[in-house]
Amino acid sequence: NKLTGRMDWVVCDVPCSMSGSIRRNPNMKWIFSDELLFKWIAQQRDIFEDALKFLKPKGKIVYSTCSILDEENVRQVKYLCHKH
């Protein structure tokens, strides 16, 4: 791919549980499950890993979700920072 290793910035707006939008979508709370949460966490990590290959050395990556859950935000970022 021509873009591999060439980006100064990469934005990862990853799919998530949408827990930050429950007020607008109240039915979300009835379909939420730990199984779905673990699926999103794995998918978020995969997307982040794929995005890293596009960064230049010293490039910056932005990770965002619309979730309010620590598992998808603080804990996820800690995991990703520790791994990379």
Protein backbone atom coordinates (compact mmCIF):
# COMPACT_ATOMS: atom_id res chain seq x y z
CA ASN A 1 0.00 0.00 0.00
CA LYS A 2 1.35 3.44 -0.93
CA LEU A 3 0.26 4.99 2.37
CA THR A 4 2.06 2.55 4.68
CA GLY A 5 4.39 4.47 6.96
CA ARG A 6 3.56 7.87 5.43
CA MET A 7 0.94 9.47 7.70
CA ASP A 8 1.74 12.11 10.32
CA TRP A 9 -1.66 11.54 11.96
CA VAL A 10 -4.17 8.68 11.95
CA VAL A 11 -7.64 8.89 13.51
CA CYS A 12 -9.24 5.69 14.80
CA ASP A 13 -12.92 6.40 15.42
CA VAL A 14 -13.68 2.83 16.36
CA PRO A 15 -17.03 1.02 16.64
CA CYS A 16 -18.17 0.75 20.24
CA SER A 17 -21.02 -0.03 22.60
CA MET A 18 -22.45 3.47 22.05
CA SER A 19 -22.99 3.75 25.80
CA GLY A 20 -22.48 7.50 25.50
CA SER A 21 -25.61 7.80 23.38
CA ILE A 22 -28.05 5.74 25.48
CA ARG A 23 -30.16 8.82 26.20
CA ARG A 24 -30.80 9.19 22.46
CA ASN A 25 -31.14 5.43 21.93
CA PRO A 26 -32.67 4.04 25.16
CA ASN A 27 -33.26 0.58 23.69
CA MET A 28 -29.49 0.07 23.57
CA LYS A 29 -29.44 -0.77 27.27
CA TRP A 30 -31.60 -3.84 26.61
CA ILE A 31 -29.31 -5.35 23.96
CA PHE A 32 -26.02 -4.62 25.75
CA SER A 33 -24.11 -7.67 26.99
CA ASP A 34 -20.62 -8.57 28.17
CA GLU A 35 -20.26 -10.75 25.08
CA LEU A 36 -20.90 -7.78 22.79
CA LEU A 37 -18.57 -5.59 24.84
CA PHE A 38 -15.72 -8.11 24.48
CA LYS A 39 -16.41 -8.30 20.74
CA TRP A 40 -16.14 -4.51 20.41
CA ILE A 41 -12.96 -4.41 22.50
CA ALA A 42 -11.32 -7.01 20.25
CA GLN A 43 -12.48 -5.17 17.13
CA GLN A 44 -11.16 -1.86 18.49
CA ARG A 45 -7.75 -3.43 19.11
CA ASP A 46 -7.67 -4.91 15.61
CA ILE A 47 -8.50 -1.54 14.02
CA PHE A 48 -5.87 0.22 16.12
CA GLU A 49 -3.25 -2.39 15.16
CA ASP A 50 -4.11 -2.01 11.47
CA ALA A 51 -3.95 1.79 11.71
CA LEU A 52 -0.45 1.77 13.23
CA LYS A 53 1.12 0.57 9.99
CA PHE A 54 0.16 3.86 8.29
CA LEU A 55 2.02 6.05 10.78
CA LYS A 56 5.41 7.60 10.07
CA PRO A 57 8.02 7.21 12.78
CA LYS A 58 7.05 9.75 15.47
CA GLY A 59 3.52 9.96 13.98
CA LYS A 60 0.48 10.50 16.19
CA ILE A 61 -2.62 8.37 16.51
CA VAL A 62 -6.01 9.50 17.86
CA TYR A 63 -8.32 6.90 19.39
CA SER A 64 -11.99 7.81 19.87
CA THR A 65 -15.29 6.19 20.81
CA CYS A 66 -18.73 7.43 21.79
CA SER A 67 -18.62 5.12 24.80
CA ILE A 68 -18.47 6.18 28.43
CA LEU A 69 -17.20 2.78 29.59
CA ASP A 70 -13.67 2.52 30.99
CA GLU A 71 -13.25 -0.82 29.23
CA GLU A 72 -13.48 0.90 25.85
CA ASN A 73 -11.57 4.03 26.78
CA VAL A 74 -9.16 4.27 29.72
CA ARG A 75 -8.42 0.55 29.99
CA GLN A 76 -8.21 0.16 26.22
CA VAL A 77 -5.76 3.06 25.87
CA LYS A 78 -3.65 1.72 28.76
CA TYR A 79 -3.54 -1.66 27.05
CA LEU A 80 -2.60 -0.16 23.69
CA CYS A 81 0.08 2.13 25.19
CA HIS A 82 1.59 -0.76 27.15
CA LYS A 83 1.66 -2.98 24.08
CA HIS A 84 3.19 -0.31 21.83
